[in-house]
Amino acid sequence: MELLYLPVKDFAPNPWNSNRMSQEEFEHLKRTIKARGFQGAIVSRPDGKKQQIIDGEHRWRAACELGLEKIPCNSQQMDDETAKTLTLLLNSIKGADDPSLKAKLLQDIVQNHHVQVEQLAVNLNMKLEEVKAYIDLSNLPDFDMMDMRPAQRFIDCPHCNKQIDMDTVKTYTRKKDKKNTATINPTPQTPPISGT
């Protein structure tokens, strides 16, 4: 594997990528690259005069839209079967945030590293209200987050009266009586953007 810095025009997406990203997620990715720079190398393989993207198509598209000239890539020779398998494997290992752990981590950064909530929201390209809502939830001692359901939804917290937009949603239940105390309201689906 060879690490290269190549012009964005030298890349081409593969035709089989099954990974999708909503427009909102893509805009978040662009904001992150703009604020923090291009993180992580694209995985590619030589394909004629182009580098065919195996992993990192969304980052490449964002780099194109942001006008970046060159991006890093790990280029290696591989056959079609290996390339397709690697695309699926790399798409599957990215995971998603557990809302409970995310809330605790945000709280830890604010408390133990003395970062202001407003600055943390800027650093993470998150809405200030969302960061505050996560921190509010991390301060509720009698609630557990359970029943993880992948979806983009809002949760109405019964204690802080805020709606929380989360990538993955959990239902909040009281430890003592285990009654469901939160309502879940679906948000409209955003059409996906193809690519990694």
N, C-alpha and C. Protein backbone atom coordinates (compact mmCIF):
# COMPACT_ATOMS: atom_id res chain seq x y z
N MET A 1 0.85 -1.18 0.00
CA MET A 1 0.00 0.00 0.00
C MET A 1 0.89 1.24 0.00
N GLU A 2 0.52 2.19 -0.81
CA GLU A 2 1.33 3.39 -0.97
C GLU A 2 0.48 4.62 -0.65
N LEU A 3 0.98 5.49 0.25
CA LEU A 3 0.28 6.73 0.56
C LEU A 3 0.67 7.79 -0.45
N LEU A 4 -0.34 8.32 -1.14
CA LEU A 4 -0.13 9.32 -2.17
C LEU A 4 -0.96 10.56 -1.87
N TYR A 5 -0.55 11.71 -2.37
CA TYR A 5 -1.36 12.92 -2.34
C TYR A 5 -1.63 13.27 -3.80
N LEU A 6 -2.89 13.05 -4.22
CA LEU A 6 -3.23 13.20 -5.63
C LEU A 6 -4.30 14.26 -5.83
N PRO A 7 -4.33 14.87 -7.02
CA PRO A 7 -5.40 15.83 -7.34
C PRO A 7 -6.77 15.14 -7.28
N VAL A 8 -7.77 15.87 -6.79
CA VAL A 8 -9.11 15.29 -6.68
C VAL A 8 -9.65 14.84 -8.04
N LYS A 9 -9.19 15.48 -9.13
CA LYS A 9 -9.66 15.11 -10.47
C LYS A 9 -9.14 13.74 -10.91
N ASP A 10 -8.13 13.20 -10.20
CA ASP A 10 -7.57 11.90 -10.55
C ASP A 10 -8.37 10.72 -9.99
N PHE A 11 -9.45 10.99 -9.23
CA PHE A 11 -10.24 9.92 -8.62
C PHE A 11 -11.55 9.71 -9.37
N ALA A 12 -12.06 8.50 -9.26
CA ALA A 12 -13.38 8.17 -9.80
C ALA A 12 -14.07 7.23 -8.82
N PRO A 13 -15.38 7.40 -8.60
CA PRO A 13 -16.09 6.48 -7.69
C PRO A 13 -16.24 5.10 -8.34
N ASN A 14 -16.40 4.10 -7.50
CA ASN A 14 -16.70 2.77 -8.05
C ASN A 14 -18.20 2.68 -8.29
N PRO A 15 -18.65 1.79 -9.18
CA PRO A 15 -20.07 1.72 -9.51
C PRO A 15 -20.91 0.85 -8.57
N TRP A 16 -20.28 0.18 -7.59
CA TRP A 16 -21.01 -0.76 -6.75
C TRP A 16 -21.23 -0.29 -5.31
N ASN A 17 -20.75 0.84 -4.95
CA ASN A 17 -20.81 1.27 -3.55
C ASN A 17 -22.25 1.36 -3.06
N SER A 18 -22.55 0.70 -1.95
CA SER A 18 -23.91 0.68 -1.40
C SER A 18 -24.11 1.69 -0.27
N ASN A 19 -23.05 2.39 0.12
CA ASN A 19 -23.13 3.35 1.22
C ASN A 19 -23.84 4.62 0.78
N ARG A 20 -24.74 5.12 1.62
CA ARG A 20 -25.50 6.33 1.33
C ARG A 20 -25.40 7.31 2.50
N MET A 21 -25.54 8.58 2.18
CA MET A 21 -25.48 9.63 3.20
C MET A 21 -26.56 10.65 2.87
N SER A 22 -27.30 11.09 3.88
CA SER A 22 -28.32 12.11 3.66
C SER A 22 -27.65 13.44 3.32
N GLN A 23 -28.42 14.35 2.75
CA GLN A 23 -27.88 15.68 2.43
C GLN A 23 -27.41 16.38 3.70
N GLU A 24 -28.15 16.22 4.78
CA GLU A 24 -27.76 16.83 6.06
C GLU A 24 -26.43 16.28 6.55
N GLU A 25 -26.26 14.95 6.46
CA GLU A 25 -25.00 14.33 6.86
C GLU A 25 -23.85 14.80 5.97
N PHE A 26 -24.13 14.94 4.67
CA PHE A 26 -23.10 15.38 3.74
C PHE A 26 -22.67 16.82 4.03
N GLU A 27 -23.64 17.68 4.34
CA GLU A 27 -23.30 19.07 4.70
C GLU A 27 -22.48 19.11 5.98
N HIS A 28 -22.80 18.23 6.93
CA HIS A 28 -22.02 18.13 8.17
C HIS A 28 -20.58 17.70 7.85
N LEU A 29 -20.43 16.73 6.95
CA LEU A 29 -19.10 16.28 6.53
C LEU A 29 -18.31 17.43 5.92
N LYS A 30 -18.94 18.21 5.06
CA LYS A 30 -18.26 19.34 4.44
C LYS A 30 -17.83 20.38 5.48
N ARG A 31 -18.72 20.67 6.44
CA ARG A 31 -18.36 21.62 7.50
C ARG A 31 -17.17 21.11 8.31
N THR A 32 -17.16 19.80 8.57
CA THR A 32 -16.07 19.20 9.35
C THR A 32 -14.75 19.30 8.59
N ILE A 33 -14.76 18.98 7.31
CA ILE A 33 -13.53 19.07 6.52
C ILE A 33 -13.07 20.52 6.44
N LYS A 34 -14.00 21.43 6.28
CA LYS A 34 -13.64 22.85 6.21
C LYS A 34 -13.02 23.32 7.52
N ALA A 35 -13.55 22.86 8.65
CA ALA A 35 -13.07 23.30 9.95
C ALA A 35 -11.80 22.56 10.39
N ARG A 36 -11.70 21.27 10.07
CA ARG A 36 -10.62 20.44 10.61
C ARG A 36 -9.63 19.93 9.57
N GLY A 37 -9.93 20.15 8.30
CA GLY A 37 -9.08 19.60 7.25
C GLY A 37 -9.52 18.20 6.87
N PHE A 38 -8.91 17.68 5.86
CA PHE A 38 -9.26 16.36 5.34
C PHE A 38 -8.62 15.30 6.23
N GLN A 39 -9.44 14.51 6.91
CA GLN A 39 -8.94 13.51 7.86
C GLN A 39 -9.07 12.11 7.28
N GLY A 40 -8.01 11.36 7.33
CA GLY A 40 -8.03 9.98 6.87
C GLY A 40 -7.85 9.89 5.37
N ALA A 41 -7.10 8.91 4.95
CA ALA A 41 -6.82 8.73 3.52
C ALA A 41 -7.93 7.95 2.84
N ILE A 42 -8.19 8.30 1.59
CA ILE A 42 -9.08 7.53 0.73
C ILE A 42 -8.39 6.19 0.44
N VAL A 43 -9.13 5.11 0.36
CA VAL A 43 -8.59 3.83 -0.10
C VAL A 43 -8.96 3.71 -1.57
N SER A 44 -7.96 3.45 -2.41
CA SER A 44 -8.21 3.41 -3.85
C SER A 44 -7.35 2.34 -4.50
N ARG A 45 -7.62 2.13 -5.79
CA ARG A 45 -6.79 1.24 -6.59
C ARG A 45 -6.58 1.88 -7.96
N PRO A 46 -5.44 1.62 -8.58
CA PRO A 46 -5.23 2.15 -9.93
C PRO A 46 -6.25 1.55 -10.90
N ASP A 47 -6.82 2.40 -11.74
CA ASP A 47 -7.80 1.96 -12.74
C ASP A 47 -7.58 2.81 -14.00
N GLY A 48 -6.69 2.34 -14.86
CA GLY A 48 -6.32 3.15 -16.02
C GLY A 48 -5.58 4.39 -15.55
N LYS A 49 -6.03 5.55 -15.98
CA LYS A 49 -5.39 6.81 -15.59
C LYS A 49 -6.00 7.40 -14.32
N LYS A 50 -6.98 6.72 -13.74
CA LYS A 50 -7.67 7.21 -12.54
C LYS A 50 -7.35 6.31 -11.35
N GLN A 51 -7.70 6.82 -10.17
CA GLN A 51 -7.70 6.02 -8.95
C GLN A 51 -9.16 5.74 -8.62
N GLN A 52 -9.55 4.47 -8.65
CA GLN A 52 -10.93 4.11 -8.33
C GLN A 52 -11.08 4.05 -6.81
N ILE A 53 -12.06 4.77 -6.29
CA ILE A 53 -12.28 4.86 -4.84
C ILE A 53 -12.92 3.58 -4.33
N ILE A 54 -12.27 2.99 -3.34
CA ILE A 54 -12.80 1.80 -2.67
C ILE A 54 -13.50 2.22 -1.37
N ASP A 55 -12.92 3.19 -0.67
CA ASP A 55 -13.52 3.73 0.55
C ASP A 55 -13.19 5.22 0.63
N GLY A 56 -14.23 6.05 0.85
CA GLY A 56 -14.02 7.48 1.01
C GLY A 56 -14.68 8.34 -0.04
N GLU A 57 -15.68 7.78 -0.73
CA GLU A 57 -16.32 8.54 -1.80
C GLU A 57 -16.97 9.83 -1.30
N HIS A 58 -17.63 9.78 -0.14
CA HIS A 58 -18.27 11.00 0.38
C HIS A 58 -17.22 12.07 0.69
N ARG A 59 -16.10 11.65 1.30
CA ARG A 59 -15.05 12.62 1.60
C ARG A 59 -14.47 13.21 0.32
N TRP A 60 -14.31 12.38 -0.71
CA TRP A 60 -13.83 12.86 -2.00
C TRP A 60 -14.81 13.87 -2.61
N ARG A 61 -16.11 13.53 -2.61
CA ARG A 61 -17.12 14.45 -3.16
C ARG A 61 -17.12 15.77 -2.39
N ALA A 62 -16.99 15.68 -1.06
CA ALA A 62 -16.94 16.90 -0.24
C ALA A 62 -15.70 17.72 -0.60
N ALA A 63 -14.56 17.05 -0.76
CA ALA A 63 -13.32 17.75 -1.13
C ALA A 63 -13.49 18.45 -2.48
N CYS A 64 -14.14 17.80 -3.43
CA CYS A 64 -14.40 18.42 -4.74
C CYS A 64 -15.25 19.68 -4.58
N GLU A 65 -16.34 19.57 -3.82
CA GLU A 65 -17.23 20.71 -3.63
C GLU A 65 -16.55 21.86 -2.88
N LEU A 66 -15.61 21.53 -2.00
CA LEU A 66 -14.92 22.55 -1.22
C LEU A 66 -13.73 23.15 -1.98
N GLY A 67 -13.43 22.60 -3.14
CA GLY A 67 -12.35 23.14 -3.95
C GLY A 67 -10.95 22.72 -3.51
N LEU A 68 -10.85 21.61 -2.75
CA LEU A 68 -9.52 21.13 -2.38
C LEU A 68 -8.81 20.63 -3.64
N GLU A 69 -7.51 20.83 -3.70
CA GLU A 69 -6.77 20.42 -4.89
C GLU A 69 -6.28 18.98 -4.81
N LYS A 70 -5.73 18.60 -3.65
CA LYS A 70 -5.19 17.25 -3.48
C LYS A 70 -5.72 16.64 -2.19
N ILE A 71 -5.84 15.31 -2.19
CA ILE A 71 -6.25 14.57 -1.00
C ILE A 71 -5.37 13.33 -0.86
N PRO A 72 -5.21 12.83 0.37
CA PRO A 72 -4.39 11.64 0.56
C PRO A 72 -5.15 10.37 0.19
N CYS A 73 -4.42 9.39 -0.32
CA CYS A 73 -5.04 8.09 -0.59
C CYS A 73 -4.02 6.99 -0.34
N ASN A 74 -4.54 5.85 0.09
CA ASN A 74 -3.76 4.62 0.16
C ASN A 74 -4.13 3.83 -1.08
N SER A 75 -3.21 3.73 -2.01
CA SER A 75 -3.47 3.06 -3.28
C SER A 75 -2.83 1.68 -3.29
N GLN A 76 -3.60 0.69 -3.74
CA GLN A 76 -3.05 -0.66 -3.85
C GLN A 76 -3.71 -1.41 -4.99
N GLN A 77 -2.95 -2.29 -5.60
CA GLN A 77 -3.49 -3.15 -6.66
C GLN A 77 -4.42 -4.17 -6.03
N MET A 78 -5.59 -4.39 -6.64
CA MET A 78 -6.50 -5.45 -6.17
C MET A 78 -7.46 -5.79 -7.29
N ASP A 79 -7.94 -7.03 -7.27
CA ASP A 79 -8.91 -7.45 -8.29
C ASP A 79 -10.31 -6.98 -7.89
N ASP A 80 -11.28 -7.15 -8.79
CA ASP A 80 -12.64 -6.68 -8.54
C ASP A 80 -13.27 -7.29 -7.30
N GLU A 81 -13.09 -8.59 -7.10
CA GLU A 81 -13.70 -9.25 -5.94
C GLU A 81 -13.16 -8.66 -4.65
N THR A 82 -11.86 -8.48 -4.58
CA THR A 82 -11.24 -7.90 -3.39
C THR A 82 -11.72 -6.46 -3.18
N ALA A 83 -11.80 -5.68 -4.25
CA ALA A 83 -12.24 -4.29 -4.15
C ALA A 83 -13.67 -4.21 -3.64
N LYS A 84 -14.56 -5.05 -4.18
CA LYS A 84 -15.97 -5.03 -3.76
C LYS A 84 -16.11 -5.49 -2.31
N THR A 85 -15.38 -6.53 -1.95
CA THR A 85 -15.43 -7.04 -0.58
C THR A 85 -14.90 -6.00 0.40
N LEU A 86 -13.80 -5.35 0.02
CA LEU A 86 -13.21 -4.33 0.89
C LEU A 86 -14.16 -3.14 1.05
N THR A 87 -14.86 -2.75 -0.02
CA THR A 87 -15.85 -1.67 0.08
C THR A 87 -16.91 -2.02 1.11
N LEU A 88 -17.46 -3.22 1.02
CA LEU A 88 -18.49 -3.64 1.99
C LEU A 88 -17.94 -3.72 3.40
N LEU A 89 -16.75 -4.27 3.55
CA LEU A 89 -16.14 -4.40 4.87
C LEU A 89 -15.91 -3.03 5.50
N LEU A 90 -15.31 -2.11 4.76
CA LEU A 90 -15.03 -0.79 5.31
C LEU A 90 -16.31 0.00 5.58
N ASN A 91 -17.34 -0.18 4.76
CA ASN A 91 -18.63 0.46 5.03
C ASN A 91 -19.24 -0.06 6.32
N SER A 92 -19.04 -1.35 6.62
CA SER A 92 -19.72 -1.97 7.76
C SER A 92 -19.06 -1.70 9.09
N ILE A 93 -17.82 -1.26 9.12
CA ILE A 93 -17.12 -1.12 10.40
C ILE A 93 -17.15 0.28 10.98
N LYS A 94 -17.85 1.18 10.34
CA LYS A 94 -17.84 2.57 10.82
C LYS A 94 -18.69 2.75 12.07
N GLY A 95 -19.78 2.02 12.22
CA GLY A 95 -20.58 2.10 13.43
C GLY A 95 -21.36 3.39 13.58
N ALA A 96 -22.01 3.52 14.73
CA ALA A 96 -22.81 4.71 15.05
C ALA A 96 -22.65 5.01 16.54
N ASP A 97 -22.82 6.25 16.90
CA ASP A 97 -22.71 6.64 18.31
C ASP A 97 -23.84 6.05 19.13
N ASP A 98 -23.50 5.54 20.31
CA ASP A 98 -24.49 5.17 21.30
C ASP A 98 -24.85 6.46 22.02
N PRO A 99 -26.12 6.89 21.98
CA PRO A 99 -26.50 8.18 22.57
C PRO A 99 -26.13 8.34 24.04
N SER A 100 -26.26 7.27 24.82
CA SER A 100 -25.93 7.34 26.24
C SER A 100 -24.44 7.61 26.45
N LEU A 101 -23.60 6.88 25.71
CA LEU A 101 -22.16 7.07 25.83
C LEU A 101 -21.74 8.42 25.27
N LYS A 102 -22.40 8.85 24.20
CA LYS A 102 -22.10 10.15 23.61
C LYS A 102 -22.41 11.27 24.62
N ALA A 103 -23.56 11.15 25.30
CA ALA A 103 -23.94 12.15 26.31
C ALA A 103 -22.89 12.22 27.43
N LYS A 104 -22.45 11.06 27.89
CA LYS A 104 -21.45 11.02 28.96
C LYS A 104 -20.11 11.60 28.49
N LEU A 105 -19.74 11.31 27.25
CA LEU A 105 -18.48 11.83 26.72
C LEU A 105 -18.52 13.35 26.57
N LEU A 106 -19.62 13.87 26.07
CA LEU A 106 -19.76 15.33 25.96
C LEU A 106 -19.67 15.98 27.34
N GLN A 107 -20.36 15.38 28.32
CA GLN A 107 -20.32 15.89 29.69
C GLN A 107 -18.89 15.86 30.24
N ASP A 108 -18.17 14.78 29.96
CA ASP A 108 -16.79 14.63 30.42
C ASP A 108 -15.90 15.73 29.83
N ILE A 109 -16.04 16.01 28.55
CA ILE A 109 -15.22 17.04 27.91
C ILE A 109 -15.48 18.40 28.55
N VAL A 110 -16.75 18.70 28.82
CA VAL A 110 -17.10 19.98 29.42
C VAL A 110 -16.58 20.07 30.86
N GLN A 111 -16.82 19.03 31.65
CA GLN A 111 -16.44 19.07 33.07
C GLN A 111 -14.95 18.89 33.31
N ASN A 112 -14.36 17.89 32.69
CA ASN A 112 -12.98 17.51 33.03
C ASN A 112 -11.91 18.17 32.17
N HIS A 113 -12.32 18.72 31.04
CA HIS A 113 -11.33 19.36 30.17
C HIS A 113 -11.61 20.85 30.02
N HIS A 114 -12.60 21.33 30.77
CA HIS A 114 -12.91 22.75 30.88
C HIS A 114 -13.15 23.42 29.53
N VAL A 115 -13.90 22.73 28.68
CA VAL A 115 -14.29 23.28 27.39
C VAL A 115 -15.70 23.84 27.53
N GLN A 116 -15.92 25.06 27.11
CA GLN A 116 -17.25 25.65 27.16
C GLN A 116 -18.17 24.91 26.19
N VAL A 117 -19.43 24.79 26.55
CA VAL A 117 -20.41 24.09 25.72
C VAL A 117 -20.48 24.70 24.33
N GLU A 118 -20.44 26.02 24.26
CA GLU A 118 -20.51 26.72 22.97
C GLU A 118 -19.31 26.35 22.08
N GLN A 119 -18.13 26.28 22.68
CA GLN A 119 -16.93 25.92 21.92
C GLN A 119 -16.98 24.46 21.49
N LEU A 120 -17.50 23.60 22.36
CA LEU A 120 -17.62 22.18 22.02
C LEU A 120 -18.55 22.00 20.82
N ALA A 121 -19.64 22.72 20.80
CA ALA A 121 -20.57 22.65 19.65
C ALA A 121 -19.86 23.07 18.37
N VAL A 122 -19.06 24.13 18.44
CA VAL A 122 -18.30 24.59 17.26
C VAL A 122 -17.28 23.52 16.85
N ASN A 123 -16.55 22.98 17.82
CA ASN A 123 -15.53 21.98 17.54
C ASN A 123 -16.10 20.74 16.87
N LEU A 124 -17.33 20.38 17.24
CA LEU A 124 -17.95 19.15 16.71
C LEU A 124 -18.90 19.41 15.55
N ASN A 125 -19.04 20.67 15.15
CA ASN A 125 -20.01 21.02 14.11
C ASN A 125 -21.42 20.53 14.46
N MET A 126 -21.77 20.68 15.74
CA MET A 126 -23.10 20.30 16.22
C MET A 126 -23.87 21.57 16.56
N LYS A 127 -25.19 21.45 16.56
CA LYS A 127 -26.01 22.56 17.02
C LYS A 127 -25.85 22.69 18.52
N LEU A 128 -25.76 23.94 19.00
CA LEU A 128 -25.59 24.20 20.42
C LEU A 128 -26.70 23.55 21.23
N GLU A 129 -27.94 23.66 20.74
CA GLU A 129 -29.08 23.08 21.46
C GLU A 129 -28.94 21.56 21.61
N GLU A 130 -28.39 20.91 20.59
CA GLU A 130 -28.22 19.46 20.64
C GLU A 130 -27.18 19.07 21.70
N VAL A 131 -26.05 19.80 21.73
CA VAL A 131 -25.02 19.51 22.74
C VAL A 131 -25.59 19.72 24.14
N LYS A 132 -26.31 20.83 24.34
CA LYS A 132 -26.91 21.10 25.65
C LYS A 132 -27.91 20.02 26.04
N ALA A 133 -28.70 19.56 25.09
CA ALA A 133 -29.69 18.53 25.39
C ALA A 133 -29.02 17.21 25.78
N TYR A 134 -27.95 16.84 25.08
CA TYR A 134 -27.20 15.63 25.46
C TYR A 134 -26.66 15.76 26.88
N ILE A 135 -26.09 16.93 27.20
CA ILE A 135 -25.53 17.13 28.53
C ILE A 135 -26.63 17.11 29.58
N ASP A 136 -27.79 17.71 29.28
CA ASP A 136 -28.92 17.64 30.20
C ASP A 136 -29.30 16.18 30.48
N LEU A 137 -29.33 15.37 29.44
CA LEU A 137 -29.69 13.96 29.62
C LEU A 137 -28.65 13.22 30.44
N SER A 138 -27.38 13.56 30.27
CA SER A 138 -26.34 12.86 31.04
C SER A 138 -26.45 13.18 32.53
N ASN A 139 -27.17 14.25 32.87
CA ASN A 139 -27.33 14.64 34.27
C ASN A 139 -28.58 14.05 34.93
N LEU A 140 -29.34 13.24 34.21
CA LEU A 140 -30.54 12.63 34.78
C LEU A 140 -30.17 11.30 35.43
N PRO A 141 -30.03 11.26 36.76
CA PRO A 141 -29.55 10.05 37.43
C PRO A 141 -30.53 8.88 37.41
N ASP A 142 -31.82 9.15 37.26
CA ASP A 142 -32.79 8.05 37.36
C ASP A 142 -33.26 7.55 35.99
N PHE A 143 -32.50 7.84 34.94
CA PHE A 143 -32.89 7.39 33.62
C PHE A 143 -31.80 6.55 32.98
N ASP A 144 -32.23 5.52 32.28
CA ASP A 144 -31.35 4.72 31.44
C ASP A 144 -31.77 4.94 30.00
N MET A 145 -30.86 4.79 29.08
CA MET A 145 -31.20 4.81 27.67
C MET A 145 -31.25 3.35 27.22
N MET A 146 -32.39 2.96 26.70
CA MET A 146 -32.57 1.56 26.32
C MET A 146 -33.24 1.48 24.96
N ASP A 147 -33.33 0.27 24.44
CA ASP A 147 -34.09 -0.02 23.22
C ASP A 147 -33.59 0.80 22.04
N MET A 148 -32.34 0.56 21.67
CA MET A 148 -31.74 1.33 20.57
C MET A 148 -32.42 0.99 19.26
N ARG A 149 -32.86 2.01 18.54
CA ARG A 149 -33.49 1.87 17.23
C ARG A 149 -32.79 2.78 16.25
N PRO A 150 -32.10 2.23 15.24
CA PRO A 150 -31.44 3.12 14.29
C PRO A 150 -32.47 3.91 13.49
N ALA A 151 -32.39 5.21 13.54
CA ALA A 151 -33.28 6.09 12.78
C ALA A 151 -32.92 7.51 13.12
N GLN A 152 -33.35 8.43 12.31
CA GLN A 152 -33.21 9.83 12.68
C GLN A 152 -34.56 10.26 13.21
N ARG A 153 -34.61 10.59 14.49
CA ARG A 153 -35.87 10.93 15.15
C ARG A 153 -35.60 11.96 16.23
N PHE A 154 -36.68 12.53 16.73
CA PHE A 154 -36.59 13.44 17.87
C PHE A 154 -37.09 12.71 19.11
N ILE A 155 -36.47 12.97 20.24
CA ILE A 155 -36.95 12.46 21.52
C ILE A 155 -37.34 13.67 22.36
N ASP A 156 -38.54 13.60 22.95
CA ASP A 156 -38.98 14.64 23.87
C ASP A 156 -38.57 14.21 25.27
N CYS A 157 -37.62 14.92 25.86
CA CYS A 157 -37.20 14.61 27.22
C CYS A 157 -38.25 15.15 28.19
N PRO A 158 -38.81 14.31 29.06
CA PRO A 158 -39.87 14.77 29.96
C PRO A 158 -39.37 15.69 31.08
N HIS A 159 -38.06 15.74 31.31
CA HIS A 159 -37.53 16.57 32.38
C HIS A 159 -37.04 17.93 31.91
N CYS A 160 -36.41 17.96 30.75
CA CYS A 160 -35.87 19.25 30.30
C CYS A 160 -36.74 19.88 29.21
N ASN A 161 -37.80 19.18 28.79
CA ASN A 161 -38.75 19.68 27.79
C ASN A 161 -38.06 20.12 26.50
N LYS A 162 -37.03 19.37 26.08
CA LYS A 162 -36.33 19.66 24.84
C LYS A 162 -36.48 18.48 23.89
N GLN A 163 -36.49 18.77 22.60
CA GLN A 163 -36.46 17.71 21.61
C GLN A 163 -35.01 17.50 21.22
N ILE A 164 -34.59 16.25 21.17
CA ILE A 164 -33.22 15.92 20.86
C ILE A 164 -33.18 15.16 19.55
N ASP A 165 -32.47 15.69 18.57
CA ASP A 165 -32.29 15.05 17.29
C ASP A 165 -31.05 14.17 17.39
N MET A 166 -31.22 12.86 17.31
CA MET A 166 -30.11 11.93 17.49
C MET A 166 -29.98 11.02 16.28
N ASP A 167 -28.77 10.56 16.03
CA ASP A 167 -28.56 9.61 14.94
C ASP A 167 -29.18 8.26 15.28
N THR A 168 -29.07 7.86 16.51
CA THR A 168 -29.72 6.65 16.98
C THR A 168 -30.50 7.02 18.21
N VAL A 169 -31.66 6.45 18.36
CA VAL A 169 -32.57 6.85 19.41
C VAL A 169 -32.75 5.74 20.41
N LYS A 170 -32.84 6.12 21.67
CA LYS A 170 -33.16 5.17 22.73
C LYS A 170 -34.38 5.69 23.48
N THR A 171 -35.16 4.79 23.99
CA THR A 171 -36.29 5.17 24.81
C THR A 171 -35.82 5.30 26.25
N TYR A 172 -36.22 6.35 26.90
CA TYR A 172 -35.81 6.60 28.27
C TYR A 172 -36.84 5.98 29.21
N THR A 173 -36.37 5.17 30.13
CA THR A 173 -37.28 4.53 31.08
C THR A 173 -36.78 4.78 32.50
N ARG A 174 -37.71 4.96 33.40
CA ARG A 174 -37.34 5.13 34.79
C ARG A 174 -36.83 3.81 35.34
N LYS A 175 -35.73 3.85 36.11
CA LYS A 175 -35.19 2.64 36.71
C LYS A 175 -36.20 2.02 37.69
N LYS A 176 -36.87 2.87 38.47
CA LYS A 176 -37.71 2.33 39.53
C LYS A 176 -39.00 1.69 39.02
N ASP A 177 -39.64 2.25 37.98
CA ASP A 177 -40.91 1.67 37.56
C ASP A 177 -40.91 1.17 36.12
N LYS A 178 -39.82 1.41 35.38
CA LYS A 178 -39.65 0.92 34.02
C LYS A 178 -40.78 1.32 33.07
N LYS A 179 -41.46 2.43 33.36
CA LYS A 179 -42.51 2.91 32.46
C LYS A 179 -41.88 3.79 31.39
N ASN A 180 -42.40 3.68 30.20
CA ASN A 180 -41.91 4.50 29.10
C ASN A 180 -42.29 5.95 29.37
N THR A 181 -41.31 6.84 29.36
CA THR A 181 -41.58 8.23 29.69
C THR A 181 -41.24 9.18 28.55
N ALA A 182 -40.88 8.65 27.41
CA ALA A 182 -40.51 9.53 26.29
C ALA A 182 -41.39 9.23 25.09
N THR A 183 -41.59 10.24 24.27
CA THR A 183 -42.31 10.03 23.03
C THR A 183 -41.33 10.17 21.88
N ILE A 184 -41.57 9.43 20.82
CA ILE A 184 -40.69 9.47 19.66
C ILE A 184 -41.50 9.95 18.48
N ASN A 185 -41.05 11.03 17.86
CA ASN A 185 -41.73 11.61 16.72
C ASN A 185 -40.83 11.49 15.50
N PRO A 186 -41.24 10.76 14.45
CA PRO A 186 -40.36 10.62 13.29
C PRO A 186 -40.16 11.94 12.56
N THR A 187 -38.95 12.11 12.03
CA THR A 187 -38.65 13.28 11.20
C THR A 187 -38.75 12.87 9.74
N PRO A 188 -38.98 13.82 8.84
CA PRO A 188 -39.03 13.46 7.43
C PRO A 188 -37.70 12.90 6.96
N GLN A 189 -37.75 11.91 6.09
CA GLN A 189 -36.54 11.31 5.56
C GLN A 189 -35.92 12.22 4.52
N THR A 190 -34.59 12.34 4.57
CA THR A 190 -33.86 13.11 3.58
C THR A 190 -33.33 12.16 2.53
N PRO A 191 -33.45 12.48 1.23
CA PRO A 191 -32.96 11.57 0.22
C PRO A 191 -31.45 11.34 0.37
N PRO A 192 -30.99 10.08 0.19
CA PRO A 192 -29.58 9.78 0.38
C PRO A 192 -28.71 10.27 -0.76
N ILE A 193 -27.43 10.46 -0.46
CA ILE A 193 -26.41 10.76 -1.45
C ILE A 193 -25.59 9.49 -1.59
N SER A 194 -25.33 9.05 -2.79
CA SER A 194 -24.57 7.82 -2.95
C SER A 194 -23.10 8.06 -2.66
N GLY A 195 -22.41 6.98 -2.24
CA GLY A 195 -20.97 7.05 -2.02
C GLY A 195 -20.58 6.72 -0.62
N THR A 196 -19.26 6.63 -0.36
CA THR A 196 -18.73 6.30 0.95
C THR A 196 -18.38 7.55 1.70
